[in-house]
Amino acid sequence: MSKRAAYNSDADEQPPHKKPSAAATHDGDDNDSDTIVVCEISKNRRVSVRNWNGKIFVDIREFYVKDGKTLPGKKGISLTMDQWKVFRDHVDKIDTAVVGNN
């Protein structure tokens, strides 16, 4: 079992990360027409929503620059809609825990 499969029970459902092309759309770096970059949470981290094989994923991922092109890195997570809903429903508890640890 790979590290990814060991930590992610939905490893078989995760979308592959496509390399950008010169004719990129949305943010200028992604050639997947079914990907919307929602926000950049830091210089090299993005939150995006993508449609892959008819399923929608929320992708939180690090990117890196190679030969002048921005490419997706291995570090990140793609959440199914069920996983996203669980995460979204627990944001208040996460915020409380963060404040409690400051």
N, C-alpha and C. Protein backbone atom coordinates (compact mmCIF):
# COMPACT_ATOMS: atom_id res chain seq x y z
N MET A 1 0.85 -1.17 0.00
CA MET A 1 0.00 0.00 0.00
C MET A 1 0.89 1.23 0.00
N SER A 2 0.59 2.18 -0.86
CA SER A 2 1.39 3.40 -0.94
C SER A 2 1.08 4.31 0.24
N LYS A 3 1.98 5.28 0.47
CA LYS A 3 1.74 6.26 1.54
C LYS A 3 0.42 6.97 1.32
N ARG A 4 0.14 7.35 0.07
CA ARG A 4 -1.10 8.08 -0.22
C ARG A 4 -2.30 7.22 0.11
N ALA A 5 -2.29 5.96 -0.26
CA ALA A 5 -3.42 5.08 0.01
C ALA A 5 -3.56 4.82 1.51
N ALA A 6 -2.42 4.78 2.22
CA ALA A 6 -2.47 4.53 3.66
C ALA A 6 -3.15 5.67 4.40
N TYR A 7 -3.00 6.89 3.93
CA TYR A 7 -3.55 8.03 4.61
C TYR A 7 -4.87 8.52 4.03
N ASN A 8 -5.24 8.03 2.85
CA ASN A 8 -6.41 8.55 2.17
C ASN A 8 -7.25 7.38 1.69
N SER A 9 -8.38 7.17 2.34
CA SER A 9 -9.21 6.03 2.00
C SER A 9 -9.82 6.16 0.61
N ASP A 10 -9.84 7.36 0.05
CA ASP A 10 -10.41 7.57 -1.28
C ASP A 10 -9.31 7.72 -2.33
N ALA A 11 -8.17 7.10 -2.12
CA ALA A 11 -7.02 7.27 -3.01
C ALA A 11 -7.36 6.90 -4.45
N ASP A 12 -8.23 5.92 -4.66
CA ASP A 12 -8.57 5.51 -6.01
C ASP A 12 -9.44 6.55 -6.73
N GLU A 13 -10.08 7.44 -5.99
CA GLU A 13 -10.96 8.43 -6.58
C GLU A 13 -10.28 9.76 -6.83
N GLN A 14 -9.03 9.93 -6.43
CA GLN A 14 -8.39 11.22 -6.52
C GLN A 14 -8.06 11.56 -7.96
N PRO A 15 -8.34 12.80 -8.39
CA PRO A 15 -8.04 13.19 -9.76
C PRO A 15 -6.56 13.38 -9.96
N PRO A 16 -6.07 13.06 -11.15
CA PRO A 16 -4.67 13.32 -11.43
C PRO A 16 -4.45 14.81 -11.59
N HIS A 17 -3.24 15.25 -11.38
CA HIS A 17 -2.93 16.66 -11.51
C HIS A 17 -2.32 16.87 -12.87
N LYS A 18 -2.98 17.71 -13.66
CA LYS A 18 -2.55 17.93 -15.04
C LYS A 18 -1.52 19.04 -15.10
N LYS A 19 -0.57 18.89 -16.02
CA LYS A 19 0.43 19.91 -16.23
C LYS A 19 -0.17 21.04 -17.05
N PRO A 20 0.16 22.27 -16.71
CA PRO A 20 -0.39 23.40 -17.45
C PRO A 20 0.20 23.52 -18.84
N SER A 21 -0.51 24.19 -19.73
CA SER A 21 -0.03 24.44 -21.08
C SER A 21 0.03 25.94 -21.34
N ALA A 22 0.56 26.32 -22.47
CA ALA A 22 0.63 27.73 -22.82
C ALA A 22 -0.76 28.32 -23.02
N ALA A 23 -1.73 27.50 -23.38
CA ALA A 23 -3.10 27.97 -23.61
C ALA A 23 -3.95 27.77 -22.37
N ALA A 24 -3.37 28.02 -21.22
CA ALA A 24 -4.07 27.79 -19.96
C ALA A 24 -5.25 28.74 -19.80
N THR A 25 -6.23 28.29 -18.94
CA THR A 25 -7.43 29.10 -18.72
C THR A 25 -7.57 29.45 -17.26
N HIS A 26 -8.59 30.20 -16.91
CA HIS A 26 -8.97 30.62 -15.56
C HIS A 26 -7.91 31.48 -14.90
N ASP A 27 -6.80 30.89 -14.44
CA ASP A 27 -5.80 31.68 -13.72
C ASP A 27 -4.51 31.80 -14.51
N GLY A 28 -4.52 31.37 -15.76
CA GLY A 28 -3.33 31.47 -16.58
C GLY A 28 -2.37 30.31 -16.41
N ASP A 29 -2.67 29.37 -15.49
CA ASP A 29 -1.72 28.29 -15.25
C ASP A 29 -2.32 26.90 -15.39
N ASP A 30 -3.60 26.76 -15.58
CA ASP A 30 -4.23 25.45 -15.53
C ASP A 30 -4.97 25.19 -16.84
N ASN A 31 -4.67 24.05 -17.49
CA ASN A 31 -5.30 23.77 -18.76
C ASN A 31 -6.57 22.94 -18.63
N ASP A 32 -7.00 22.61 -17.45
CA ASP A 32 -8.21 21.84 -17.24
C ASP A 32 -9.39 22.80 -17.24
N SER A 33 -10.22 22.73 -18.28
CA SER A 33 -11.32 23.69 -18.41
C SER A 33 -12.37 23.50 -17.32
N ASP A 34 -12.34 22.39 -16.59
CA ASP A 34 -13.29 22.15 -15.51
C ASP A 34 -12.71 22.47 -14.14
N THR A 35 -11.68 23.30 -14.09
CA THR A 35 -11.06 23.70 -12.83
C THR A 35 -11.23 25.19 -12.62
N ILE A 36 -11.69 25.54 -11.43
CA ILE A 36 -11.84 26.95 -11.06
C ILE A 36 -10.97 27.19 -9.83
N VAL A 37 -10.03 28.11 -9.94
CA VAL A 37 -9.22 28.48 -8.79
C VAL A 37 -10.06 29.43 -7.95
N VAL A 38 -10.37 29.01 -6.73
CA VAL A 38 -11.22 29.80 -5.84
C VAL A 38 -10.40 30.87 -5.15
N CYS A 39 -9.23 30.50 -4.63
CA CYS A 39 -8.38 31.49 -3.98
C CYS A 39 -6.96 30.96 -3.85
N GLU A 40 -6.04 31.90 -3.70
CA GLU A 40 -4.66 31.57 -3.37
C GLU A 40 -4.52 31.85 -1.89
N ILE A 41 -4.20 30.82 -1.11
CA ILE A 41 -4.11 31.01 0.34
C ILE A 41 -2.71 31.41 0.77
N SER A 42 -1.75 31.28 -0.12
CA SER A 42 -0.41 31.82 0.07
C SER A 42 0.25 31.84 -1.31
N LYS A 43 1.50 32.22 -1.35
CA LYS A 43 2.18 32.36 -2.64
C LYS A 43 2.11 31.09 -3.48
N ASN A 44 2.27 29.94 -2.85
CA ASN A 44 2.33 28.68 -3.59
C ASN A 44 1.23 27.69 -3.22
N ARG A 45 0.18 28.17 -2.57
CA ARG A 45 -0.93 27.28 -2.20
C ARG A 45 -2.24 27.81 -2.74
N ARG A 46 -3.04 26.91 -3.30
CA ARG A 46 -4.30 27.31 -3.90
C ARG A 46 -5.43 26.37 -3.47
N VAL A 47 -6.63 26.94 -3.47
CA VAL A 47 -7.84 26.15 -3.30
C VAL A 47 -8.57 26.23 -4.63
N SER A 48 -8.91 25.08 -5.18
CA SER A 48 -9.63 25.06 -6.44
C SER A 48 -10.73 24.00 -6.39
N VAL A 49 -11.66 24.15 -7.30
CA VAL A 49 -12.74 23.17 -7.45
C VAL A 49 -12.58 22.60 -8.84
N ARG A 50 -12.59 21.27 -8.92
CA ARG A 50 -12.41 20.64 -10.23
C ARG A 50 -13.43 19.55 -10.45
N ASN A 51 -13.79 19.38 -11.71
CA ASN A 51 -14.68 18.31 -12.13
C ASN A 51 -13.82 17.28 -12.83
N TRP A 52 -13.79 16.08 -12.29
CA TRP A 52 -12.97 15.01 -12.87
C TRP A 52 -13.83 13.75 -12.95
N ASN A 53 -13.96 13.21 -14.15
CA ASN A 53 -14.78 12.01 -14.39
C ASN A 53 -16.20 12.19 -13.86
N GLY A 54 -16.75 13.38 -14.00
CA GLY A 54 -18.11 13.64 -13.57
C GLY A 54 -18.28 13.84 -12.08
N LYS A 55 -17.19 13.86 -11.33
CA LYS A 55 -17.24 14.08 -9.89
C LYS A 55 -16.55 15.40 -9.57
N ILE A 56 -17.08 16.10 -8.58
CA ILE A 56 -16.52 17.39 -8.19
C ILE A 56 -15.64 17.20 -6.96
N PHE A 57 -14.46 17.83 -7.00
CA PHE A 57 -13.49 17.77 -5.91
C PHE A 57 -13.10 19.17 -5.48
N VAL A 58 -12.85 19.35 -4.19
CA VAL A 58 -12.23 20.57 -3.68
C VAL A 58 -10.76 20.22 -3.46
N ASP A 59 -9.89 20.94 -4.14
CA ASP A 59 -8.46 20.62 -4.14
C ASP A 59 -7.70 21.72 -3.42
N ILE A 60 -6.95 21.36 -2.39
CA ILE A 60 -6.09 22.29 -1.66
C ILE A 60 -4.67 21.79 -1.90
N ARG A 61 -3.85 22.57 -2.60
CA ARG A 61 -2.59 22.03 -3.09
C ARG A 61 -1.50 23.08 -3.13
N GLU A 62 -0.26 22.61 -2.98
CA GLU A 62 0.92 23.44 -3.18
C GLU A 62 1.32 23.38 -4.65
N PHE A 63 1.84 24.48 -5.16
CA PHE A 63 2.33 24.56 -6.52
C PHE A 63 3.79 24.98 -6.50
N TYR A 64 4.50 24.68 -7.57
CA TYR A 64 5.89 25.09 -7.69
C TYR A 64 6.13 25.58 -9.12
N VAL A 65 7.19 26.34 -9.31
CA VAL A 65 7.52 26.87 -10.62
C VAL A 65 8.72 26.11 -11.16
N LYS A 66 8.59 25.63 -12.41
CA LYS A 66 9.68 24.93 -13.09
C LYS A 66 9.70 25.42 -14.53
N ASP A 67 10.85 25.89 -14.97
CA ASP A 67 11.01 26.40 -16.33
C ASP A 67 9.97 27.46 -16.66
N GLY A 68 9.66 28.31 -15.68
CA GLY A 68 8.72 29.40 -15.90
C GLY A 68 7.25 29.00 -15.87
N LYS A 69 6.96 27.73 -15.59
CA LYS A 69 5.58 27.26 -15.55
C LYS A 69 5.20 26.89 -14.12
N THR A 70 3.98 27.21 -13.73
CA THR A 70 3.48 26.83 -12.42
C THR A 70 2.84 25.46 -12.51
N LEU A 71 3.33 24.52 -11.69
CA LEU A 71 2.87 23.13 -11.74
C LEU A 71 2.36 22.69 -10.37
N PRO A 72 1.37 21.78 -10.35
CA PRO A 72 0.88 21.27 -9.07
C PRO A 72 1.90 20.33 -8.44
N GLY A 73 2.07 20.45 -7.13
CA GLY A 73 2.99 19.58 -6.41
C GLY A 73 2.28 18.36 -5.85
N LYS A 74 3.04 17.52 -5.19
CA LYS A 74 2.48 16.31 -4.57
C LYS A 74 1.76 16.62 -3.27
N LYS A 75 2.16 17.71 -2.61
CA LYS A 75 1.58 18.06 -1.32
C LYS A 75 0.22 18.72 -1.52
N GLY A 76 -0.79 18.06 -1.01
CA GLY A 76 -2.13 18.60 -1.12
C GLY A 76 -3.15 17.52 -0.90
N ILE A 77 -4.41 17.91 -0.99
CA ILE A 77 -5.49 16.97 -0.78
C ILE A 77 -6.65 17.34 -1.71
N SER A 78 -7.29 16.33 -2.24
CA SER A 78 -8.50 16.50 -3.03
C SER A 78 -9.64 15.87 -2.26
N LEU A 79 -10.61 16.70 -1.89
CA LEU A 79 -11.74 16.23 -1.10
C LEU A 79 -12.95 15.97 -1.98
N THR A 80 -13.59 14.82 -1.79
CA THR A 80 -14.86 14.55 -2.47
C THR A 80 -15.90 15.50 -1.88
N MET A 81 -17.05 15.59 -2.51
CA MET A 81 -18.10 16.46 -1.98
C MET A 81 -18.54 16.01 -0.58
N ASP A 82 -18.62 14.70 -0.32
CA ASP A 82 -18.98 14.22 1.01
C ASP A 82 -17.93 14.66 2.04
N GLN A 83 -16.65 14.53 1.70
CA GLN A 83 -15.59 14.94 2.61
C GLN A 83 -15.60 16.45 2.81
N TRP A 84 -15.84 17.21 1.74
CA TRP A 84 -15.89 18.66 1.84
C TRP A 84 -17.02 19.09 2.78
N LYS A 85 -18.18 18.44 2.66
CA LYS A 85 -19.32 18.81 3.51
C LYS A 85 -19.02 18.55 4.98
N VAL A 86 -18.35 17.44 5.29
CA VAL A 86 -17.97 17.15 6.67
C VAL A 86 -17.00 18.22 7.17
N PHE A 87 -16.00 18.55 6.36
CA PHE A 87 -15.04 19.58 6.73
C PHE A 87 -15.73 20.92 6.96
N ARG A 88 -16.55 21.33 6.00
CA ARG A 88 -17.27 22.60 6.08
C ARG A 88 -18.15 22.68 7.33
N ASP A 89 -18.80 21.57 7.66
CA ASP A 89 -19.68 21.54 8.83
C ASP A 89 -18.93 21.63 10.15
N HIS A 90 -17.61 21.41 10.12
CA HIS A 90 -16.82 21.45 11.35
C HIS A 90 -15.91 22.67 11.45
N VAL A 91 -16.08 23.64 10.58
CA VAL A 91 -15.21 24.83 10.58
C VAL A 91 -15.31 25.59 11.90
N ASP A 92 -16.51 25.71 12.47
CA ASP A 92 -16.65 26.42 13.75
C ASP A 92 -15.86 25.71 14.86
N LYS A 93 -15.91 24.38 14.89
CA LYS A 93 -15.15 23.63 15.89
C LYS A 93 -13.64 23.79 15.67
N ILE A 94 -13.23 23.83 14.42
CA ILE A 94 -11.81 24.03 14.11
C ILE A 94 -11.38 25.42 14.58
N ASP A 95 -12.20 26.44 14.28
CA ASP A 95 -11.90 27.80 14.73
C ASP A 95 -11.78 27.88 16.25
N THR A 96 -12.70 27.23 16.95
CA THR A 96 -12.68 27.21 18.41
C THR A 96 -11.38 26.56 18.92
N ALA A 97 -10.99 25.47 18.29
CA ALA A 97 -9.76 24.78 18.70
C ALA A 97 -8.53 25.65 18.43
N VAL A 98 -8.53 26.37 17.31
CA VAL A 98 -7.41 27.25 16.98
C VAL A 98 -7.30 28.37 18.02
N VAL A 99 -8.43 29.01 18.35
CA VAL A 99 -8.43 30.08 19.34
C VAL A 99 -8.00 29.53 20.70
N GLY A 100 -8.43 28.34 21.04
CA GLY A 100 -8.07 27.72 22.31
C GLY A 100 -6.61 27.37 22.43
N ASN A 101 -5.91 27.25 21.30
CA ASN A 101 -4.49 26.91 21.31
C ASN A 101 -3.58 28.12 21.13
N ASN A 102 -4.16 29.30 21.08
CA ASN A 102 -3.34 30.52 20.94
C ASN A 102 -3.03 31.12 22.27
